[in-house]
N, C-alpha and C. Protein backbone atom coordinates (compact mmCIF):
# COMPACT_ATOMS: atom_id res chain seq x y z
N UNK A 1 104.82 110.16 87.18
CA UNK A 1 104.96 109.12 88.18
C UNK A 1 106.42 108.71 88.20
N UNK A 2 106.98 108.58 89.38
CA UNK A 2 108.41 108.33 89.46
C UNK A 2 108.76 106.84 89.54
N UNK A 3 107.80 105.97 89.76
CA UNK A 3 108.08 104.55 89.88
C UNK A 3 107.78 103.85 88.57
N UNK A 4 108.54 102.81 88.27
CA UNK A 4 108.29 102.08 87.03
C UNK A 4 106.98 101.31 87.15
N UNK A 5 106.25 101.27 86.07
CA UNK A 5 104.94 100.63 86.10
C UNK A 5 104.87 99.58 85.01
N UNK A 6 104.99 98.32 85.40
CA UNK A 6 104.88 97.23 84.44
C UNK A 6 103.44 97.09 83.97
N UNK A 7 102.51 97.00 84.90
CA UNK A 7 101.12 96.80 84.55
C UNK A 7 100.23 97.69 85.40
N UNK A 8 99.91 98.88 84.91
CA UNK A 8 99.06 99.80 85.66
C UNK A 8 97.63 99.28 85.64
N UNK A 9 97.05 99.12 86.81
CA UNK A 9 95.68 98.64 86.94
C UNK A 9 94.72 99.82 86.99
N UNK A 10 95.06 100.83 87.81
CA UNK A 10 94.17 101.99 87.97
C UNK A 10 94.98 103.22 88.29
N UNK A 11 94.51 104.35 87.79
CA UNK A 11 95.08 105.65 88.10
C UNK A 11 94.00 106.52 88.70
N UNK A 12 94.39 107.39 89.59
CA UNK A 12 93.46 108.32 90.20
C UNK A 12 93.68 109.69 89.54
N UNK A 13 93.10 109.88 88.37
CA UNK A 13 93.28 111.13 87.64
C UNK A 13 92.60 112.29 88.35
N UNK A 14 91.55 111.99 89.08
CA UNK A 14 90.83 113.04 89.79
C UNK A 14 91.68 113.63 90.91
N UNK A 15 92.62 112.85 91.46
CA UNK A 15 93.48 113.35 92.53
C UNK A 15 94.34 114.50 92.04
N UNK A 16 94.87 114.40 90.82
CA UNK A 16 95.70 115.48 90.28
C UNK A 16 94.87 116.73 90.02
N UNK A 17 93.60 116.57 89.78
CA UNK A 17 92.71 117.72 89.55
C UNK A 17 92.28 118.36 90.86
N UNK A 18 92.00 117.55 91.86
CA UNK A 18 91.47 118.05 93.13
C UNK A 18 92.54 118.45 94.14
N UNK A 19 93.78 117.97 93.96
CA UNK A 19 94.83 118.21 94.94
C UNK A 19 96.11 118.66 94.26
N UNK A 20 96.92 119.40 95.02
CA UNK A 20 98.31 119.65 94.64
C UNK A 20 99.11 118.50 95.23
N UNK A 21 99.65 117.66 94.36
CA UNK A 21 100.36 116.47 94.82
C UNK A 21 101.81 116.81 95.13
N UNK A 22 102.29 116.29 96.23
CA UNK A 22 103.66 116.52 96.65
C UNK A 22 104.48 115.25 96.58
N UNK A 23 105.20 115.00 97.65
CA UNK A 23 106.09 113.84 97.73
C UNK A 23 105.28 112.55 97.63
N UNK A 24 105.85 111.55 96.95
CA UNK A 24 105.12 110.29 96.78
C UNK A 24 105.99 109.11 97.20
N UNK A 25 105.32 108.01 97.53
CA UNK A 25 105.97 106.78 97.95
C UNK A 25 105.31 105.60 97.26
N UNK A 26 106.09 104.55 97.10
CA UNK A 26 105.56 103.28 96.60
C UNK A 26 105.37 102.35 97.79
N UNK A 27 104.17 101.80 97.92
CA UNK A 27 103.86 100.93 99.06
C UNK A 27 103.33 99.60 98.57
N UNK A 28 103.69 98.55 99.27
CA UNK A 28 103.07 97.26 99.02
C UNK A 28 101.68 97.29 99.63
N UNK A 29 100.83 96.40 99.18
CA UNK A 29 99.46 96.38 99.68
C UNK A 29 99.10 94.95 100.05
N UNK A 30 98.49 94.77 101.22
CA UNK A 30 98.10 93.45 101.71
C UNK A 30 96.74 93.12 101.10
N UNK A 31 96.70 92.08 100.29
CA UNK A 31 95.47 91.68 99.59
C UNK A 31 95.17 90.21 99.84
N UNK A 32 93.92 89.83 99.62
CA UNK A 32 93.55 88.43 99.61
C UNK A 32 93.74 87.91 98.19
N UNK A 33 93.83 86.60 98.04
CA UNK A 33 94.09 86.00 96.74
C UNK A 33 93.08 86.38 95.68
N UNK A 34 91.81 86.43 96.04
CA UNK A 34 90.79 86.77 95.06
C UNK A 34 90.91 88.23 94.62
N UNK A 35 91.39 89.09 95.51
CA UNK A 35 91.59 90.50 95.15
C UNK A 35 92.72 90.64 94.14
N UNK A 36 93.76 89.86 94.30
CA UNK A 36 94.87 89.89 93.35
C UNK A 36 94.39 89.47 91.97
N UNK A 37 93.57 88.44 91.92
CA UNK A 37 93.04 87.97 90.64
C UNK A 37 92.15 89.03 89.99
N UNK A 38 91.35 89.72 90.80
CA UNK A 38 90.51 90.80 90.27
C UNK A 38 91.38 91.93 89.73
N UNK A 39 92.48 92.25 90.43
CA UNK A 39 93.39 93.29 89.94
C UNK A 39 94.07 92.87 88.65
N UNK A 40 94.43 91.61 88.55
CA UNK A 40 95.07 91.13 87.31
C UNK A 40 94.12 91.23 86.12
N UNK A 41 92.81 91.21 86.38
CA UNK A 41 91.83 91.42 85.32
C UNK A 41 91.68 92.91 85.00
N UNK A 42 92.35 93.77 85.77
CA UNK A 42 92.30 95.20 85.53
C UNK A 42 91.08 95.87 86.12
N UNK A 43 90.55 95.32 87.19
CA UNK A 43 89.32 95.85 87.78
C UNK A 43 89.62 96.48 89.13
N UNK A 44 89.66 97.81 89.16
CA UNK A 44 89.83 98.54 90.42
C UNK A 44 89.51 100.00 90.18
N UNK A 45 89.20 100.70 91.26
CA UNK A 45 88.92 102.13 91.17
C UNK A 45 89.51 102.82 92.40
N UNK A 46 90.33 103.84 92.16
CA UNK A 46 90.96 104.58 93.25
C UNK A 46 90.20 105.84 93.62
N UNK A 47 89.18 106.21 92.85
CA UNK A 47 88.48 107.46 93.12
C UNK A 47 87.80 107.40 94.49
N UNK A 48 87.98 108.43 95.26
CA UNK A 48 87.41 108.48 96.60
C UNK A 48 88.28 107.81 97.64
N UNK A 49 89.39 107.22 97.24
CA UNK A 49 90.26 106.54 98.18
C UNK A 49 91.14 107.52 98.95
N UNK A 50 91.51 107.13 100.16
CA UNK A 50 92.42 107.94 100.97
C UNK A 50 93.24 107.02 101.86
N UNK A 51 94.31 107.57 102.40
CA UNK A 51 95.23 106.83 103.25
C UNK A 51 95.20 107.44 104.64
N UNK A 52 95.22 106.57 105.66
CA UNK A 52 95.16 107.01 107.04
C UNK A 52 96.26 106.31 107.83
N UNK A 53 96.87 107.04 108.75
CA UNK A 53 97.90 106.46 109.62
C UNK A 53 97.26 106.25 110.99
N UNK A 54 97.20 104.99 111.41
CA UNK A 54 96.61 104.64 112.71
C UNK A 54 97.59 103.75 113.47
N UNK A 55 98.05 104.21 114.60
CA UNK A 55 98.93 103.40 115.43
C UNK A 55 100.18 102.94 114.73
N UNK A 56 100.87 103.82 114.06
CA UNK A 56 102.10 103.53 113.32
C UNK A 56 101.90 102.48 112.22
N UNK A 57 100.68 102.37 111.71
CA UNK A 57 100.39 101.54 110.54
C UNK A 57 99.64 102.39 109.54
N UNK A 58 99.85 102.11 108.26
CA UNK A 58 99.22 102.89 107.20
C UNK A 58 98.13 102.05 106.56
N UNK A 59 96.93 102.64 106.44
CA UNK A 59 95.78 101.92 105.92
C UNK A 59 95.20 102.63 104.71
N UNK A 60 94.81 101.87 103.72
CA UNK A 60 94.18 102.38 102.51
C UNK A 60 92.68 102.16 102.64
N UNK A 61 91.91 103.25 102.56
CA UNK A 61 90.46 103.20 102.75
C UNK A 61 89.74 103.51 101.45
N UNK A 62 88.57 102.93 101.28
CA UNK A 62 87.60 103.30 100.25
C UNK A 62 88.10 103.10 98.81
N UNK A 63 89.00 102.15 98.60
CA UNK A 63 89.43 101.80 97.25
C UNK A 63 88.62 100.58 96.82
N UNK A 64 88.02 100.66 95.66
CA UNK A 64 87.10 99.62 95.19
C UNK A 64 87.86 98.56 94.38
N UNK A 65 87.91 97.35 94.92
CA UNK A 65 88.41 96.18 94.19
C UNK A 65 87.25 95.19 94.18
N UNK A 66 86.61 94.99 93.04
CA UNK A 66 85.39 94.17 93.01
C UNK A 66 85.67 92.70 93.27
N UNK A 67 84.61 91.98 93.57
CA UNK A 67 84.69 90.54 93.82
C UNK A 67 85.13 89.82 92.55
N UNK A 68 86.07 88.90 92.70
CA UNK A 68 86.50 88.06 91.58
C UNK A 68 85.38 87.04 91.31
N UNK A 69 84.98 86.93 90.05
CA UNK A 69 83.80 86.14 89.69
C UNK A 69 83.89 84.68 90.11
N UNK A 70 85.05 84.05 89.96
CA UNK A 70 85.18 82.63 90.29
C UNK A 70 85.42 82.37 91.78
N UNK A 71 85.60 83.40 92.57
CA UNK A 71 85.87 83.22 94.00
C UNK A 71 84.60 83.47 94.80
N UNK A 72 83.57 82.69 94.55
CA UNK A 72 82.28 82.91 95.20
C UNK A 72 82.29 82.59 96.68
N UNK A 73 83.20 81.80 97.14
CA UNK A 73 83.20 81.41 98.54
C UNK A 73 83.88 82.43 99.44
N UNK A 74 84.60 83.39 98.87
CA UNK A 74 85.28 84.41 99.66
C UNK A 74 84.41 85.66 99.68
N UNK A 75 84.07 86.12 100.87
CA UNK A 75 83.21 87.30 101.01
C UNK A 75 84.00 88.45 101.63
N UNK A 76 84.90 89.04 100.87
CA UNK A 76 85.64 90.22 101.34
C UNK A 76 84.92 91.45 100.82
N UNK A 77 84.87 92.48 101.63
CA UNK A 77 84.24 93.72 101.19
C UNK A 77 85.04 94.36 100.08
N UNK A 78 84.35 94.87 99.08
CA UNK A 78 85.06 95.45 97.95
C UNK A 78 85.70 96.79 98.31
N UNK A 79 85.21 97.45 99.34
CA UNK A 79 85.78 98.73 99.77
C UNK A 79 86.35 98.64 101.19
N UNK A 80 86.78 97.47 101.58
CA UNK A 80 87.33 97.31 102.93
C UNK A 80 88.68 98.03 103.03
N UNK A 81 89.11 98.28 104.26
CA UNK A 81 90.41 98.93 104.41
C UNK A 81 91.51 97.88 104.26
N UNK A 82 92.60 98.31 103.66
CA UNK A 82 93.71 97.41 103.38
C UNK A 82 95.00 98.01 103.93
N UNK A 83 95.83 97.17 104.50
CA UNK A 83 97.08 97.63 105.09
C UNK A 83 98.11 97.88 104.00
N UNK A 84 98.86 98.97 104.16
CA UNK A 84 99.95 99.28 103.24
C UNK A 84 101.28 98.96 103.92
N UNK A 85 102.22 98.51 103.12
CA UNK A 85 103.52 98.09 103.64
C UNK A 85 104.58 99.13 103.27
N UNK A 86 105.10 99.79 104.30
CA UNK A 86 106.13 100.81 104.14
C UNK A 86 107.19 100.62 105.21
N UNK A 87 108.35 101.22 105.01
CA UNK A 87 109.39 101.21 106.03
C UNK A 87 108.98 102.12 107.18
N UNK A 88 109.48 101.82 108.36
CA UNK A 88 109.13 102.59 109.55
C UNK A 88 109.46 104.07 109.36
N UNK A 89 110.61 104.39 108.78
CA UNK A 89 111.01 105.79 108.58
C UNK A 89 110.02 106.50 107.66
N UNK A 90 109.55 105.81 106.64
CA UNK A 90 108.57 106.40 105.72
C UNK A 90 107.24 106.65 106.43
N UNK A 91 106.82 105.70 107.24
CA UNK A 91 105.56 105.86 107.99
C UNK A 91 105.67 107.05 108.94
N UNK A 92 106.80 107.16 109.64
CA UNK A 92 107.00 108.27 110.57
C UNK A 92 106.99 109.61 109.84
N UNK A 93 107.62 109.65 108.68
CA UNK A 93 107.67 110.88 107.89
C UNK A 93 106.27 111.28 107.42
N UNK A 94 105.51 110.31 106.93
CA UNK A 94 104.14 110.59 106.48
C UNK A 94 103.30 111.09 107.65
N UNK A 95 103.39 110.40 108.77
CA UNK A 95 102.60 110.77 109.95
C UNK A 95 102.95 112.18 110.42
N UNK A 96 104.23 112.50 110.43
CA UNK A 96 104.68 113.82 110.85
C UNK A 96 104.13 114.91 109.93
N UNK A 97 104.22 114.69 108.62
CA UNK A 97 103.76 115.70 107.66
C UNK A 97 102.25 115.88 107.70
N UNK A 98 101.53 114.79 107.88
CA UNK A 98 100.07 114.89 107.95
C UNK A 98 99.65 115.65 109.20
N UNK A 99 100.29 115.38 110.33
CA UNK A 99 99.92 116.03 111.58
C UNK A 99 100.35 117.50 111.64
N UNK A 100 101.54 117.81 111.12
CA UNK A 100 102.06 119.18 111.18
C UNK A 100 101.43 120.09 110.14
N UNK A 101 101.38 119.64 108.91
CA UNK A 101 101.03 120.53 107.80
C UNK A 101 99.57 120.49 107.42
N UNK A 102 98.81 119.58 107.97
CA UNK A 102 97.41 119.48 107.58
C UNK A 102 97.23 118.93 106.19
N UNK A 103 98.18 118.15 105.73
CA UNK A 103 98.08 117.52 104.42
C UNK A 103 97.31 116.22 104.55
N UNK A 104 96.92 115.67 103.43
CA UNK A 104 96.29 114.36 103.40
C UNK A 104 97.11 113.48 102.47
N UNK A 105 96.86 112.20 102.51
CA UNK A 105 97.58 111.26 101.64
C UNK A 105 96.54 110.56 100.78
N UNK A 106 96.77 110.55 99.46
CA UNK A 106 95.83 109.93 98.53
C UNK A 106 96.55 108.90 97.66
N UNK A 107 95.84 107.85 97.25
CA UNK A 107 96.43 106.90 96.30
C UNK A 107 96.41 107.52 94.90
N UNK A 108 97.51 107.38 94.18
CA UNK A 108 97.63 107.96 92.85
C UNK A 108 97.55 106.89 91.77
N UNK A 109 98.18 105.74 92.01
CA UNK A 109 98.17 104.67 91.01
C UNK A 109 98.25 103.32 91.71
N UNK A 110 97.65 102.32 91.08
CA UNK A 110 97.68 100.94 91.55
C UNK A 110 98.22 100.11 90.40
N UNK A 111 99.29 99.35 90.65
CA UNK A 111 99.95 98.65 89.56
C UNK A 111 100.69 97.42 90.07
N UNK A 112 101.16 96.62 89.13
CA UNK A 112 101.98 95.47 89.46
C UNK A 112 103.42 95.78 89.11
N UNK A 113 104.33 95.43 90.01
CA UNK A 113 105.76 95.61 89.78
C UNK A 113 106.45 94.33 90.22
N UNK A 114 107.09 93.68 89.31
CA UNK A 114 107.76 92.40 89.58
C UNK A 114 106.79 91.39 90.17
N UNK A 115 105.56 91.40 89.69
CA UNK A 115 104.56 90.43 90.11
C UNK A 115 103.85 90.75 91.41
N UNK A 116 104.17 91.87 92.02
CA UNK A 116 103.56 92.23 93.29
C UNK A 116 102.71 93.50 93.12
N UNK A 117 101.57 93.52 93.80
CA UNK A 117 100.69 94.68 93.72
C UNK A 117 101.29 95.81 94.54
N UNK A 118 101.37 96.97 93.93
CA UNK A 118 101.91 98.16 94.58
C UNK A 118 100.92 99.31 94.41
N UNK A 119 100.96 100.25 95.33
CA UNK A 119 100.15 101.44 95.21
C UNK A 119 101.08 102.64 95.44
N UNK A 120 100.94 103.64 94.57
CA UNK A 120 101.69 104.87 94.76
C UNK A 120 100.81 105.83 95.54
N UNK A 121 101.33 106.32 96.65
CA UNK A 121 100.59 107.28 97.47
C UNK A 121 101.35 108.59 97.47
N UNK A 122 100.63 109.69 97.60
CA UNK A 122 101.28 111.00 97.57
C UNK A 122 100.66 111.92 98.61
N UNK A 123 101.49 112.79 99.16
CA UNK A 123 100.99 113.84 100.03
C UNK A 123 100.22 114.82 99.17
N UNK A 124 99.10 115.31 99.66
CA UNK A 124 98.26 116.18 98.85
C UNK A 124 97.67 117.31 99.68
N UNK A 125 97.58 118.47 99.06
CA UNK A 125 96.91 119.62 99.66
C UNK A 125 95.73 119.95 98.76
N UNK A 126 94.57 120.10 99.33
CA UNK A 126 93.36 120.36 98.55
C UNK A 126 93.44 121.67 97.77
N UNK A 127 92.94 121.66 96.55
CA UNK A 127 92.90 122.87 95.72
C UNK A 127 91.57 123.58 95.93
N UNK A 128 91.61 124.87 95.83
CA UNK A 128 90.39 125.67 95.84
C UNK A 128 89.81 125.67 94.44
N UNK A 129 88.58 126.09 94.30
CA UNK A 129 87.91 126.10 93.00
C UNK A 129 88.66 126.96 92.00
N UNK A 130 89.16 128.13 92.43
CA UNK A 130 89.86 128.99 91.49
C UNK A 130 91.19 128.37 91.07
N UNK A 131 91.83 127.58 91.94
CA UNK A 131 93.06 126.87 91.56
C UNK A 131 92.77 125.89 90.43
N UNK A 132 91.65 125.19 90.54
CA UNK A 132 91.28 124.21 89.51
C UNK A 132 91.03 124.90 88.18
N UNK A 133 90.31 126.03 88.22
CA UNK A 133 90.05 126.78 86.98
C UNK A 133 91.34 127.31 86.38
N UNK A 134 92.24 127.78 87.22
CA UNK A 134 93.52 128.31 86.75
C UNK A 134 94.35 127.19 86.10
N UNK A 135 94.36 126.01 86.70
CA UNK A 135 95.10 124.89 86.13
C UNK A 135 94.53 124.49 84.78
N UNK A 136 93.19 124.48 84.66
CA UNK A 136 92.56 124.16 83.38
C UNK A 136 92.91 125.21 82.33
N UNK A 137 92.92 126.48 82.71
CA UNK A 137 93.26 127.55 81.77
C UNK A 137 94.70 127.42 81.30
N UNK A 138 95.63 127.10 82.20
CA UNK A 138 97.03 126.91 81.82
C UNK A 138 97.17 125.74 80.85
N UNK A 139 96.48 124.65 81.14
CA UNK A 139 96.56 123.48 80.28
C UNK A 139 96.02 123.79 78.89
N UNK A 140 94.91 124.51 78.83
CA UNK A 140 94.31 124.88 77.54
C UNK A 140 95.23 125.81 76.76
N UNK A 141 95.87 126.77 77.44
CA UNK A 141 96.80 127.69 76.78
C UNK A 141 98.00 126.92 76.22
N UNK A 142 98.50 125.96 76.98
CA UNK A 142 99.63 125.15 76.50
C UNK A 142 99.23 124.34 75.27
N UNK A 143 98.02 123.80 75.27
CA UNK A 143 97.54 123.06 74.10
C UNK A 143 97.43 123.95 72.88
N UNK A 144 96.89 125.15 73.06
CA UNK A 144 96.76 126.09 71.95
C UNK A 144 98.12 126.47 71.38
N UNK A 145 99.09 126.72 72.25
CA UNK A 145 100.44 127.05 71.82
C UNK A 145 101.03 125.90 71.02
N UNK A 146 100.85 124.69 71.52
CA UNK A 146 101.37 123.51 70.84
C UNK A 146 100.73 123.34 69.46
N UNK A 147 99.43 123.58 69.38
CA UNK A 147 98.73 123.48 68.09
C UNK A 147 99.25 124.53 67.11
N UNK A 148 99.46 125.76 67.60
CA UNK A 148 99.94 126.83 66.72
C UNK A 148 101.34 126.52 66.20
N UNK A 149 102.20 126.02 67.07
CA UNK A 149 103.56 125.65 66.65
C UNK A 149 103.49 124.52 65.63
N UNK A 150 102.63 123.56 65.86
CA UNK A 150 102.47 122.43 64.94
C UNK A 150 102.01 122.93 63.58
N UNK A 151 101.05 123.83 63.56
CA UNK A 151 100.55 124.38 62.28
C UNK A 151 101.65 125.12 61.55
N UNK A 152 102.45 125.91 62.27
CA UNK A 152 103.54 126.67 61.65
C UNK A 152 104.61 125.73 61.09
N UNK A 153 104.87 124.65 61.81
CA UNK A 153 105.89 123.68 61.34
C UNK A 153 105.42 122.97 60.08
N UNK A 154 104.13 122.80 59.93
CA UNK A 154 103.60 122.14 58.75
C UNK A 154 103.42 123.11 57.59
N UNK A 155 103.69 124.39 57.82
CA UNK A 155 103.63 125.37 56.74
C UNK A 155 102.28 126.06 56.61
N UNK A 156 101.36 125.81 57.49
CA UNK A 156 100.07 126.49 57.45
C UNK A 156 100.16 127.81 58.20
N UNK A 157 99.38 128.78 57.76
CA UNK A 157 99.40 130.07 58.43
C UNK A 157 98.11 130.35 59.16
N UNK A 158 97.39 129.33 59.57
CA UNK A 158 96.10 129.47 60.24
C UNK A 158 96.23 130.41 61.35
C-alpha cells in the first residue's frame, strides 16, 4: 500500500487474490456521524465492495459499515452507496480507464489519516482460476525457499 495508514479499519485481502491490482488512489469518503463512530470501533467490511463512476462522481457500493450501537435514532443503510471525494483529474482518469480498458475499481483499504476516513481504491483486472492457482504456487515456493534459507542459516541440514 502506498499511502500512510495511521489506523487501518479494514483491508480487502480478497481483492488481491481475485484481481490483478494496478494504479491506486486515496479518496475521502462522505460518511454520517454514526458511521464514523462505527469505523473508529474498527467495524467495517470491504469484501464485495466496488466503485462506480456515475455522472462525473465516484460512488462506493456494497461496503458494510454496521449501525453504531448508541446511534439508535439514525437509520442509515449499512450497505448504502457512499460518495468518494477525488480531484476532477483523478475522476476523469479513472472513468477513462474503466471505459477503455474494461477494468473495474475496487476498494483495497479503509483507514483513518489525520483524523479523516480515507479509502484506497485501485484499478483491477479480474484473474482467471489458473492465475489464482499460479499465484498461490509462487507464494508457496517463495515460502519454502525462505524456510530452507532460514534452516541453513541456523546450521540445520534438513
